[in-house]
Amino acid sequence: MNRLCCFFNYNPLYRLPIYKAMDQSMACDFYFGDSVFEPLEQFPPEELKGFRRMFHTIKTGFKDYKWHQGIGCLLHGYDAYLITGQIDYLANWLIIIYAKLIGKRVYCWTHGISRLEISKPISRQIYRTFFKSMDGIFMYNRFKFAIMHELGIDDEKMHVIHNSLDTEKQTELYRTIQHVQRLGLIIWTGSLLLFPA
């Protein structure tokens, strides 16, 4: 049976519903980093039957790069890897290099990138190398496809996953506050989506 290794830098509470859906429908193991160095509520990882291990995250002291202690154990027994699309997590690079050397697939789940992040030539090249090494890129919306395309990322590699948050809870919230819309209030849910008129 093909097995997917999901290595994510953190286990935020708002991602629990989508991770549970993955846990129930796919053959995957979950590994998480224990910190993103900012206050963000976690869910108990034991709620996932595929949870395998939590790694201690440390700052390397070089720019914003981080390392996960003991990450080498992920490098055996998997057919494919799903990682976050963040270049500042050195474990992501280790997984990419290892997987490419032995012919395994690597996918990433990302917000995409901004023009500011690729404004310097060296940053542009690092992001290009990172994303071009992916077999598939899962994004939250199509908004940043154009920027990724400018980097030379193949459109066929990019896929949108709209339900990556707790959509049931969001829908419930929207139903209870419909009357608020008349007041001109905006409720921020963490991501701004722009839809053409």
N, C-alpha and C. Protein backbone atom coordinates (compact mmCIF):
# COMPACT_ATOMS: atom_id res chain seq x y z
N MET A 1 0.84 -1.18 0.00
CA MET A 1 0.00 0.00 0.00
C MET A 1 0.88 1.24 0.00
N ASN A 2 0.53 2.22 -0.84
CA ASN A 2 1.26 3.48 -0.86
C ASN A 2 0.99 4.25 0.41
N ARG A 3 2.06 4.79 1.00
CA ARG A 3 1.90 5.52 2.25
C ARG A 3 2.45 6.93 2.08
N LEU A 4 1.70 7.91 2.58
CA LEU A 4 2.06 9.31 2.49
C LEU A 4 2.57 9.80 3.83
N CYS A 5 3.70 10.48 3.82
CA CYS A 5 4.24 11.12 5.02
C CYS A 5 3.86 12.59 4.98
N CYS A 6 3.06 13.01 5.95
CA CYS A 6 2.67 14.42 6.08
C CYS A 6 3.54 15.06 7.16
N PHE A 7 4.44 15.93 6.74
CA PHE A 7 5.27 16.63 7.70
C PHE A 7 4.91 18.10 7.67
N PHE A 8 4.31 18.58 8.76
CA PHE A 8 3.87 19.97 8.85
C PHE A 8 4.59 20.65 10.00
N ASN A 9 4.91 21.92 9.81
CA ASN A 9 5.69 22.64 10.81
C ASN A 9 4.95 22.84 12.13
N TYR A 10 3.62 22.57 12.14
CA TYR A 10 2.84 22.82 13.36
C TYR A 10 1.49 22.13 13.22
N ASN A 11 0.79 21.99 14.32
CA ASN A 11 -0.55 21.39 14.31
C ASN A 11 -1.59 22.40 14.82
N PRO A 12 -1.91 23.42 14.02
CA PRO A 12 -2.84 24.45 14.48
C PRO A 12 -4.27 23.92 14.56
N LEU A 13 -4.98 24.38 15.57
CA LEU A 13 -6.34 23.92 15.82
C LEU A 13 -7.25 24.11 14.60
N TYR A 14 -7.09 25.22 13.89
CA TYR A 14 -7.99 25.48 12.76
C TYR A 14 -7.81 24.50 11.61
N ARG A 15 -6.74 23.72 11.60
CA ARG A 15 -6.53 22.73 10.54
C ARG A 15 -7.05 21.33 10.92
N LEU A 16 -7.48 21.15 12.15
CA LEU A 16 -7.89 19.82 12.61
C LEU A 16 -8.94 19.17 11.70
N PRO A 17 -10.01 19.88 11.26
CA PRO A 17 -11.01 19.20 10.43
C PRO A 17 -10.45 18.62 9.13
N ILE A 18 -9.58 19.37 8.45
CA ILE A 18 -9.04 18.85 7.19
C ILE A 18 -8.05 17.71 7.46
N TYR A 19 -7.27 17.81 8.55
CA TYR A 19 -6.36 16.72 8.88
C TYR A 19 -7.14 15.46 9.25
N LYS A 20 -8.28 15.63 9.95
CA LYS A 20 -9.11 14.47 10.30
C LYS A 20 -9.67 13.83 9.03
N ALA A 21 -10.10 14.65 8.08
CA ALA A 21 -10.62 14.11 6.82
C ALA A 21 -9.53 13.32 6.09
N MET A 22 -8.32 13.85 6.08
CA MET A 22 -7.20 13.13 5.46
C MET A 22 -6.92 11.83 6.21
N ASP A 23 -6.93 11.92 7.52
CA ASP A 23 -6.64 10.78 8.39
C ASP A 23 -7.62 9.63 8.14
N GLN A 24 -8.87 9.96 7.88
CA GLN A 24 -9.90 8.95 7.69
C GLN A 24 -9.95 8.39 6.28
N SER A 25 -9.47 9.16 5.31
CA SER A 25 -9.64 8.73 3.91
C SER A 25 -8.35 8.35 3.20
N MET A 26 -7.21 8.57 3.82
CA MET A 26 -5.94 8.30 3.15
C MET A 26 -5.02 7.48 4.05
N ALA A 27 -4.08 6.78 3.45
CA ALA A 27 -3.05 6.07 4.21
C ALA A 27 -1.91 7.04 4.44
N CYS A 28 -1.97 7.78 5.56
CA CYS A 28 -0.93 8.77 5.80
C CYS A 28 -0.54 8.80 7.27
N ASP A 29 0.71 9.18 7.49
CA ASP A 29 1.25 9.39 8.83
C ASP A 29 1.50 10.88 9.00
N PHE A 30 1.22 11.37 10.21
CA PHE A 30 1.38 12.80 10.49
C PHE A 30 2.54 13.03 11.45
N TYR A 31 3.36 14.00 11.11
CA TYR A 31 4.46 14.47 11.95
C TYR A 31 4.35 15.99 12.02
N PHE A 32 4.59 16.55 13.19
CA PHE A 32 4.46 17.99 13.37
C PHE A 32 5.66 18.56 14.11
N GLY A 33 5.97 19.83 13.81
CA GLY A 33 6.89 20.59 14.64
C GLY A 33 6.13 21.10 15.84
N ASP A 34 6.82 21.39 16.93
CA ASP A 34 6.14 21.77 18.16
C ASP A 34 5.99 23.28 18.36
N SER A 35 6.51 24.09 17.45
CA SER A 35 6.41 25.54 17.63
C SER A 35 6.58 26.27 16.31
N VAL A 36 5.87 27.39 16.19
CA VAL A 36 6.10 28.33 15.10
C VAL A 36 6.53 29.68 15.68
N PHE A 37 6.85 29.68 16.98
CA PHE A 37 7.38 30.83 17.69
C PHE A 37 6.43 32.03 17.68
N GLU A 38 5.16 31.73 17.74
CA GLU A 38 4.13 32.74 17.91
C GLU A 38 2.93 32.06 18.55
N PRO A 39 2.07 32.83 19.24
CA PRO A 39 0.93 32.20 19.91
C PRO A 39 -0.11 31.71 18.90
N LEU A 40 -0.26 30.42 18.80
CA LEU A 40 -1.20 29.81 17.88
C LEU A 40 -1.70 28.52 18.52
N GLU A 41 -3.00 28.43 18.73
CA GLU A 41 -3.54 27.28 19.46
C GLU A 41 -3.36 25.98 18.68
N GLN A 42 -2.91 24.96 19.40
CA GLN A 42 -2.69 23.63 18.81
C GLN A 42 -3.85 22.70 19.15
N PHE A 43 -4.04 21.68 18.32
CA PHE A 43 -4.95 20.60 18.69
C PHE A 43 -4.10 19.44 19.20
N PRO A 44 -4.67 18.58 20.05
CA PRO A 44 -3.90 17.42 20.52
C PRO A 44 -3.64 16.49 19.33
N PRO A 45 -2.40 16.27 18.94
CA PRO A 45 -2.13 15.46 17.74
C PRO A 45 -2.62 14.02 17.85
N GLU A 46 -2.82 13.55 19.08
CA GLU A 46 -3.30 12.18 19.29
C GLU A 46 -4.72 11.99 18.75
N GLU A 47 -5.40 13.08 18.40
CA GLU A 47 -6.73 12.97 17.80
C GLU A 47 -6.67 12.34 16.40
N LEU A 48 -5.49 12.29 15.83
CA LEU A 48 -5.31 11.67 14.51
C LEU A 48 -4.75 10.26 14.70
N LYS A 49 -5.42 9.27 14.14
CA LYS A 49 -4.92 7.90 14.29
C LYS A 49 -3.58 7.72 13.58
N GLY A 50 -3.31 8.57 12.59
CA GLY A 50 -2.05 8.49 11.85
C GLY A 50 -0.92 9.32 12.46
N PHE A 51 -1.17 9.94 13.63
CA PHE A 51 -0.12 10.74 14.26
C PHE A 51 1.02 9.83 14.70
N ARG A 52 2.24 10.23 14.36
CA ARG A 52 3.41 9.41 14.70
C ARG A 52 4.38 10.10 15.65
N ARG A 53 4.61 11.41 15.44
CA ARG A 53 5.64 12.05 16.28
C ARG A 53 5.58 13.56 16.18
N MET A 54 5.98 14.19 17.28
CA MET A 54 6.13 15.64 17.35
C MET A 54 7.64 15.91 17.43
N PHE A 55 8.12 16.84 16.61
CA PHE A 55 9.53 17.19 16.60
C PHE A 55 9.75 18.54 17.27
N HIS A 56 10.82 18.64 18.03
CA HIS A 56 11.17 19.91 18.65
C HIS A 56 11.75 20.84 17.58
N THR A 57 11.19 22.04 17.50
CA THR A 57 11.62 23.03 16.51
C THR A 57 12.59 24.00 17.17
N ILE A 58 13.71 24.23 16.51
CA ILE A 58 14.69 25.19 17.03
C ILE A 58 15.04 26.22 15.96
N LYS A 59 15.36 27.41 16.41
CA LYS A 59 15.86 28.44 15.51
C LYS A 59 17.34 28.19 15.29
N THR A 60 17.78 28.28 14.05
CA THR A 60 19.18 27.98 13.75
C THR A 60 20.11 29.14 14.05
N GLY A 61 19.58 30.34 14.10
CA GLY A 61 20.44 31.51 14.28
C GLY A 61 20.85 32.11 12.94
N PHE A 62 20.56 31.42 11.84
CA PHE A 62 20.84 31.95 10.51
C PHE A 62 19.53 32.44 9.90
N LYS A 63 19.41 33.74 9.79
CA LYS A 63 18.19 34.39 9.30
C LYS A 63 16.99 33.82 10.05
N ASP A 64 15.95 33.42 9.34
CA ASP A 64 14.76 32.88 10.00
C ASP A 64 14.67 31.36 9.87
N TYR A 65 15.76 30.71 9.53
CA TYR A 65 15.71 29.27 9.28
C TYR A 65 15.55 28.48 10.57
N LYS A 66 14.74 27.41 10.46
CA LYS A 66 14.45 26.55 11.61
C LYS A 66 14.79 25.10 11.28
N TRP A 67 15.03 24.32 12.34
CA TRP A 67 15.37 22.91 12.20
C TRP A 67 14.49 22.10 13.15
N HIS A 68 14.20 20.88 12.79
CA HIS A 68 13.43 19.97 13.64
C HIS A 68 14.33 18.83 14.07
N GLN A 69 14.55 18.71 15.36
CA GLN A 69 15.45 17.68 15.89
C GLN A 69 14.86 16.29 15.68
N GLY A 70 15.67 15.37 15.13
CA GLY A 70 15.26 13.98 14.93
C GLY A 70 14.53 13.72 13.64
N ILE A 71 14.56 14.67 12.72
CA ILE A 71 13.78 14.59 11.49
C ILE A 71 14.21 13.45 10.56
N GLY A 72 15.41 12.95 10.74
CA GLY A 72 15.92 11.89 9.86
C GLY A 72 15.06 10.65 9.82
N CYS A 73 14.26 10.42 10.86
CA CYS A 73 13.42 9.21 10.89
C CYS A 73 12.34 9.22 9.82
N LEU A 74 12.07 10.37 9.21
CA LEU A 74 11.05 10.45 8.16
C LEU A 74 11.53 9.93 6.82
N LEU A 75 12.80 9.67 6.71
CA LEU A 75 13.38 9.39 5.41
C LEU A 75 13.29 7.94 4.98
N HIS A 76 12.47 7.16 5.63
CA HIS A 76 12.37 5.74 5.26
C HIS A 76 10.93 5.27 5.30
N GLY A 77 10.54 4.47 4.33
CA GLY A 77 9.25 3.80 4.38
C GLY A 77 8.07 4.53 3.77
N TYR A 78 8.32 5.62 3.06
CA TYR A 78 7.21 6.37 2.47
C TYR A 78 7.34 6.43 0.95
N ASP A 79 6.18 6.47 0.30
CA ASP A 79 6.14 6.55 -1.16
C ASP A 79 6.07 8.01 -1.63
N ALA A 80 5.55 8.87 -0.77
CA ALA A 80 5.41 10.28 -1.13
C ALA A 80 5.40 11.11 0.15
N TYR A 81 5.71 12.39 -0.02
CA TYR A 81 5.77 13.34 1.10
C TYR A 81 4.90 14.55 0.81
N LEU A 82 4.22 15.03 1.85
CA LEU A 82 3.46 16.27 1.78
C LEU A 82 4.01 17.19 2.85
N ILE A 83 4.55 18.34 2.42
CA ILE A 83 5.18 19.28 3.34
C ILE A 83 4.54 20.65 3.19
N THR A 84 4.87 21.56 4.10
CA THR A 84 4.41 22.94 3.94
C THR A 84 5.31 23.64 2.92
N GLY A 85 4.79 24.68 2.32
CA GLY A 85 5.54 25.40 1.30
C GLY A 85 6.41 26.50 1.85
N GLN A 86 7.10 26.23 2.94
CA GLN A 86 7.92 27.26 3.57
C GLN A 86 9.40 26.92 3.41
N ILE A 87 10.12 27.85 2.81
CA ILE A 87 11.54 27.59 2.53
C ILE A 87 12.42 27.73 3.76
N ASP A 88 11.91 28.34 4.83
CA ASP A 88 12.74 28.58 6.00
C ASP A 88 12.76 27.40 6.97
N TYR A 89 12.12 26.30 6.62
CA TYR A 89 12.18 25.08 7.42
C TYR A 89 13.14 24.12 6.73
N LEU A 90 14.32 23.96 7.31
CA LEU A 90 15.37 23.17 6.66
C LEU A 90 14.97 21.71 6.48
N ALA A 91 14.10 21.20 7.33
CA ALA A 91 13.63 19.82 7.18
C ALA A 91 12.92 19.63 5.84
N ASN A 92 12.23 20.66 5.36
CA ASN A 92 11.58 20.57 4.06
C ASN A 92 12.62 20.32 2.96
N TRP A 93 13.73 21.03 3.03
CA TRP A 93 14.80 20.85 2.04
C TRP A 93 15.41 19.45 2.13
N LEU A 94 15.60 18.96 3.34
CA LEU A 94 16.15 17.61 3.52
C LEU A 94 15.22 16.58 2.88
N ILE A 95 13.93 16.72 3.11
CA ILE A 95 12.96 15.79 2.53
C ILE A 95 12.99 15.86 1.01
N ILE A 96 13.04 17.08 0.46
CA ILE A 96 13.07 17.25 -0.99
C ILE A 96 14.30 16.57 -1.59
N ILE A 97 15.46 16.84 -1.03
CA ILE A 97 16.71 16.27 -1.56
C ILE A 97 16.67 14.75 -1.48
N TYR A 98 16.31 14.22 -0.33
CA TYR A 98 16.24 12.77 -0.15
C TYR A 98 15.26 12.14 -1.14
N ALA A 99 14.06 12.69 -1.22
CA ALA A 99 13.02 12.12 -2.09
C ALA A 99 13.44 12.15 -3.55
N LYS A 100 14.05 13.23 -3.97
CA LYS A 100 14.45 13.33 -5.37
C LYS A 100 15.59 12.36 -5.70
N LEU A 101 16.48 12.14 -4.75
CA LEU A 101 17.60 11.21 -4.98
C LEU A 101 17.12 9.77 -5.15
N ILE A 102 16.04 9.40 -4.47
CA ILE A 102 15.58 8.01 -4.55
C ILE A 102 14.28 7.85 -5.33
N GLY A 103 13.85 8.91 -6.00
CA GLY A 103 12.68 8.81 -6.89
C GLY A 103 11.33 8.82 -6.21
N LYS A 104 11.22 9.47 -5.06
CA LYS A 104 9.94 9.60 -4.37
C LYS A 104 9.30 10.93 -4.72
N ARG A 105 8.00 11.00 -4.60
CA ARG A 105 7.27 12.22 -4.92
C ARG A 105 7.19 13.15 -3.71
N VAL A 106 7.20 14.46 -3.99
CA VAL A 106 7.07 15.47 -2.93
C VAL A 106 6.02 16.49 -3.38
N TYR A 107 5.08 16.75 -2.47
CA TYR A 107 4.03 17.73 -2.70
C TYR A 107 4.11 18.77 -1.58
N CYS A 108 3.64 19.97 -1.87
CA CYS A 108 3.58 20.95 -0.79
C CYS A 108 2.22 21.62 -0.75
N TRP A 109 1.90 22.11 0.42
CA TRP A 109 0.63 22.77 0.72
C TRP A 109 1.01 24.18 1.15
N THR A 110 0.54 25.18 0.41
CA THR A 110 1.08 26.52 0.62
C THR A 110 0.06 27.62 0.32
N HIS A 111 0.34 28.80 0.87
CA HIS A 111 -0.42 30.00 0.51
C HIS A 111 0.08 30.55 -0.82
N GLY A 112 1.21 30.05 -1.29
CA GLY A 112 1.86 30.66 -2.45
C GLY A 112 2.85 31.70 -1.95
N ILE A 113 3.28 32.56 -2.84
CA ILE A 113 4.27 33.57 -2.47
C ILE A 113 3.81 34.95 -2.94
N SER A 114 4.39 35.96 -2.32
CA SER A 114 4.07 37.33 -2.71
C SER A 114 5.20 37.89 -3.57
N ARG A 115 4.91 38.96 -4.25
CA ARG A 115 5.95 39.61 -5.07
C ARG A 115 7.09 40.13 -4.19
N LEU A 116 6.77 40.55 -2.99
CA LEU A 116 7.79 41.04 -2.07
C LEU A 116 8.80 39.93 -1.73
N GLU A 117 8.29 38.70 -1.54
CA GLU A 117 9.17 37.59 -1.18
C GLU A 117 10.16 37.25 -2.29
N ILE A 118 9.82 37.57 -3.53
CA ILE A 118 10.72 37.25 -4.64
C ILE A 118 11.31 38.50 -5.29
N SER A 119 11.34 39.60 -4.54
CA SER A 119 11.83 40.86 -5.09
C SER A 119 13.35 40.88 -5.28
N LYS A 120 14.07 40.07 -4.51
CA LYS A 120 15.53 40.00 -4.66
C LYS A 120 15.89 38.78 -5.52
N PRO A 121 16.88 38.91 -6.39
CA PRO A 121 17.24 37.80 -7.29
C PRO A 121 17.56 36.48 -6.55
N ILE A 122 18.26 36.55 -5.44
CA ILE A 122 18.62 35.32 -4.73
C ILE A 122 17.37 34.66 -4.14
N SER A 123 16.46 35.48 -3.57
CA SER A 123 15.21 34.95 -3.03
C SER A 123 14.37 34.32 -4.14
N ARG A 124 14.34 34.99 -5.26
CA ARG A 124 13.58 34.47 -6.42
C ARG A 124 14.10 33.10 -6.82
N GLN A 125 15.42 32.95 -6.86
CA GLN A 125 16.01 31.67 -7.26
C GLN A 125 15.74 30.57 -6.23
N ILE A 126 15.80 30.92 -4.95
CA ILE A 126 15.54 29.93 -3.90
C ILE A 126 14.10 29.44 -3.99
N TYR A 127 13.15 30.36 -4.12
CA TYR A 127 11.74 29.97 -4.24
C TYR A 127 11.51 29.14 -5.51
N ARG A 128 12.13 29.57 -6.62
CA ARG A 128 11.98 28.82 -7.87
C ARG A 128 12.47 27.39 -7.70
N THR A 129 13.64 27.23 -7.12
CA THR A 129 14.20 25.89 -6.90
C THR A 129 13.27 25.06 -6.02
N PHE A 130 12.79 25.65 -4.95
CA PHE A 130 11.91 24.94 -4.01
C PHE A 130 10.64 24.45 -4.71
N PHE A 131 9.92 25.36 -5.35
CA PHE A 131 8.64 24.99 -5.93
C PHE A 131 8.76 24.16 -7.20
N LYS A 132 9.81 24.37 -7.98
CA LYS A 132 9.98 23.54 -9.18
C LYS A 132 10.32 22.09 -8.83
N SER A 133 10.81 21.87 -7.62
CA SER A 133 11.15 20.50 -7.21
C SER A 133 9.91 19.69 -6.80
N MET A 134 8.77 20.35 -6.68
CA MET A 134 7.54 19.68 -6.24
C MET A 134 6.88 18.91 -7.39
N ASP A 135 6.28 17.79 -7.03
CA ASP A 135 5.47 17.04 -8.00
C ASP A 135 4.06 17.61 -8.08
N GLY A 136 3.64 18.31 -7.04
CA GLY A 136 2.35 18.97 -7.02
C GLY A 136 2.34 20.03 -5.93
N ILE A 137 1.58 21.10 -6.17
CA ILE A 137 1.49 22.20 -5.22
C ILE A 137 0.01 22.46 -4.94
N PHE A 138 -0.37 22.35 -3.67
CA PHE A 138 -1.76 22.58 -3.27
C PHE A 138 -1.84 23.96 -2.62
N MET A 139 -2.73 24.79 -3.17
CA MET A 139 -2.85 26.16 -2.71
C MET A 139 -4.28 26.43 -2.26
N TYR A 140 -4.45 27.48 -1.46
CA TYR A 140 -5.75 27.80 -0.88
C TYR A 140 -6.68 28.52 -1.85
N ASN A 141 -6.14 29.16 -2.85
CA ASN A 141 -6.95 29.85 -3.86
C ASN A 141 -6.07 30.11 -5.08
N ARG A 142 -6.68 30.63 -6.14
CA ARG A 142 -5.95 30.88 -7.39
C ARG A 142 -5.24 32.24 -7.42
N PHE A 143 -5.40 33.00 -6.35
CA PHE A 143 -4.92 34.37 -6.33
C PHE A 143 -3.43 34.49 -6.65
N LYS A 144 -2.61 33.54 -6.17
CA LYS A 144 -1.16 33.66 -6.36
C LYS A 144 -0.62 32.76 -7.47
N PHE A 145 -1.51 32.16 -8.26
CA PHE A 145 -1.07 31.34 -9.38
C PHE A 145 -0.19 32.15 -10.33
N ALA A 146 -0.57 33.41 -10.60
CA ALA A 146 0.17 34.24 -11.57
C ALA A 146 1.61 34.45 -11.12
N ILE A 147 1.81 34.69 -9.82
CA ILE A 147 3.17 34.90 -9.31
C ILE A 147 3.98 33.61 -9.43
N MET A 148 3.34 32.49 -9.10
CA MET A 148 4.02 31.20 -9.22
C MET A 148 4.37 30.92 -10.68
N HIS A 149 3.45 31.27 -11.58
CA HIS A 149 3.69 31.07 -13.01
C HIS A 149 4.89 31.89 -13.48
N GLU A 150 5.02 33.12 -12.96
CA GLU A 150 6.17 33.97 -13.30
C GLU A 150 7.49 33.33 -12.90
N LEU A 151 7.46 32.51 -11.85
CA LEU A 151 8.67 31.80 -11.42
C LEU A 151 8.99 30.61 -12.32
N GLY A 152 8.09 30.31 -13.22
CA GLY A 152 8.30 29.18 -14.11
C GLY A 152 7.68 27.89 -13.59
N ILE A 153 6.76 28.01 -12.63
CA ILE A 153 6.10 26.83 -12.09
C ILE A 153 4.99 26.43 -13.06
N ASP A 154 4.97 25.16 -13.42
CA ASP A 154 4.01 24.61 -14.35
C ASP A 154 2.60 24.72 -13.77
N ASP A 155 1.68 25.32 -14.53
CA ASP A 155 0.30 25.47 -14.08
C ASP A 155 -0.34 24.13 -13.72
N GLU A 156 0.04 23.09 -14.43
CA GLU A 156 -0.56 21.77 -14.18
C GLU A 156 -0.14 21.17 -12.84
N LYS A 157 0.91 21.70 -12.26
CA LYS A 157 1.34 21.24 -10.93
C LYS A 157 0.54 21.88 -9.81
N MET A 158 -0.13 23.01 -10.09
CA MET A 158 -0.82 23.78 -9.06
C MET A 158 -2.29 23.40 -8.98
N HIS A 159 -2.75 23.14 -7.76
CA HIS A 159 -4.12 22.72 -7.53
C HIS A 159 -4.69 23.51 -6.35
N VAL A 160 -5.97 23.86 -6.44
CA VAL A 160 -6.62 24.61 -5.36
C VAL A 160 -7.38 23.66 -4.45
N ILE A 161 -7.18 23.83 -3.14
CA ILE A 161 -7.96 23.12 -2.14
C ILE A 161 -8.68 24.20 -1.34
N HIS A 162 -9.95 24.41 -1.65
CA HIS A 162 -10.71 25.49 -0.99
C HIS A 162 -11.08 25.15 0.44
N ASN A 163 -11.24 23.89 0.76
CA ASN A 163 -11.76 23.52 2.08
C ASN A 163 -10.66 23.17 3.07
N SER A 164 -9.62 23.94 3.09
CA SER A 164 -8.50 23.62 3.97
C SER A 164 -8.65 24.19 5.38
N LEU A 165 -9.76 24.86 5.63
CA LEU A 165 -10.05 25.35 6.98
C LEU A 165 -11.28 24.63 7.50
N ASP A 166 -11.74 25.02 8.64
CA ASP A 166 -12.93 24.40 9.24
C ASP A 166 -14.17 25.01 8.59
N THR A 167 -14.52 24.56 7.40
CA THR A 167 -15.62 25.17 6.66
C THR A 167 -16.97 24.95 7.33
N GLU A 168 -17.14 23.83 8.01
CA GLU A 168 -18.42 23.61 8.71
C GLU A 168 -18.63 24.68 9.78
N LYS A 169 -17.57 24.94 10.54
CA LYS A 169 -17.68 25.95 11.60
C LYS A 169 -17.87 27.35 11.00
N GLN A 170 -17.17 27.63 9.90
CA GLN A 170 -17.33 28.93 9.25
C GLN A 170 -18.76 29.12 8.75
N THR A 171 -19.32 28.08 8.12
CA THR A 171 -20.67 28.15 7.60
C THR A 171 -21.66 28.39 8.73
N GLU A 172 -21.48 27.69 9.83
CA GLU A 172 -22.33 27.87 11.01
C GLU A 172 -22.25 29.31 11.52
N LEU A 173 -21.03 29.84 11.57
CA LEU A 173 -20.84 31.21 12.03
C LEU A 173 -21.52 32.20 11.09
N TYR A 174 -21.36 32.01 9.78
CA TYR A 174 -21.98 32.91 8.81
C TYR A 174 -23.50 32.92 8.96
N ARG A 175 -24.09 31.76 9.21
CA ARG A 175 -25.55 31.67 9.37
C ARG A 175 -26.03 32.44 10.59
N THR A 176 -25.25 32.41 11.65
CA THR A 176 -25.68 33.08 12.89
C THR A 176 -25.47 34.58 12.84
N ILE A 177 -24.69 35.06 11.89
CA ILE A 177 -24.42 36.50 11.86
C ILE A 177 -24.88 37.17 10.56
N GLN A 178 -25.79 36.55 9.85
CA GLN A 178 -26.24 37.14 8.59
C GLN A 178 -26.77 38.56 8.78
N HIS A 179 -27.46 38.81 9.88
CA HIS A 179 -28.00 40.15 10.11
C HIS A 179 -26.90 41.19 10.29
N VAL A 180 -25.71 40.76 10.66
CA VAL A 180 -24.60 41.69 10.87
C VAL A 180 -24.16 42.31 9.55
N GLN A 181 -24.35 41.59 8.44
CA GLN A 181 -23.92 42.10 7.14
C GLN A 181 -24.56 43.45 6.83
N ARG A 182 -25.79 43.65 7.29
CA ARG A 182 -26.48 44.92 7.04
C ARG A 182 -25.80 46.09 7.77
N LEU A 183 -25.02 45.76 8.79
CA LEU A 183 -24.35 46.80 9.56
C LEU A 183 -23.01 47.21 8.95
N GLY A 184 -22.59 46.49 7.91
CA GLY A 184 -21.34 46.82 7.25
C GLY A 184 -20.11 46.31 7.96
N LEU A 185 -20.27 45.30 8.79
CA LEU A 185 -19.14 44.71 9.50
C LEU A 185 -18.42 43.70 8.63
N ILE A 186 -17.13 43.60 8.77
CA ILE A 186 -16.36 42.57 8.09
C ILE A 186 -15.80 41.64 9.15
N ILE A 187 -15.99 40.37 8.95
CA ILE A 187 -15.44 39.39 9.89
C ILE A 187 -14.27 38.70 9.21
N TRP A 188 -13.12 38.84 9.80
CA TRP A 188 -11.89 38.29 9.23
C TRP A 188 -11.75 36.84 9.63
N THR A 189 -11.56 35.96 8.64
CA THR A 189 -11.39 34.54 8.94
C THR A 189 -9.98 34.07 8.63
N GLY A 190 -9.09 34.98 8.38
CA GLY A 190 -7.69 34.62 8.22
C GLY A 190 -7.18 34.63 6.81
N SER A 191 -8.04 34.77 5.82
CA SER A 191 -7.58 34.76 4.44
C SER A 191 -8.52 35.63 3.62
N LEU A 192 -7.96 36.52 2.84
CA LEU A 192 -8.76 37.38 2.00
C LEU A 192 -8.81 36.78 0.60
N LEU A 193 -10.01 36.48 0.15
CA LEU A 193 -10.18 35.90 -1.18
C LEU A 193 -10.83 36.94 -2.08
N LEU A 194 -10.28 37.13 -3.26
CA LEU A 194 -10.84 38.08 -4.20
C LEU A 194 -11.51 37.32 -5.32
N PHE A 195 -12.76 37.64 -5.56
CA PHE A 195 -13.51 36.97 -6.60
C PHE A 195 -13.85 37.98 -7.69
N PRO A 196 -13.71 37.62 -8.95
CA PRO A 196 -14.06 38.55 -10.00
C PRO A 196 -15.57 38.81 -10.03
N ALA A 197 -15.96 40.02 -10.36
CA ALA A 197 -17.39 40.39 -10.38
C ALA A 197 -18.07 39.76 -11.56
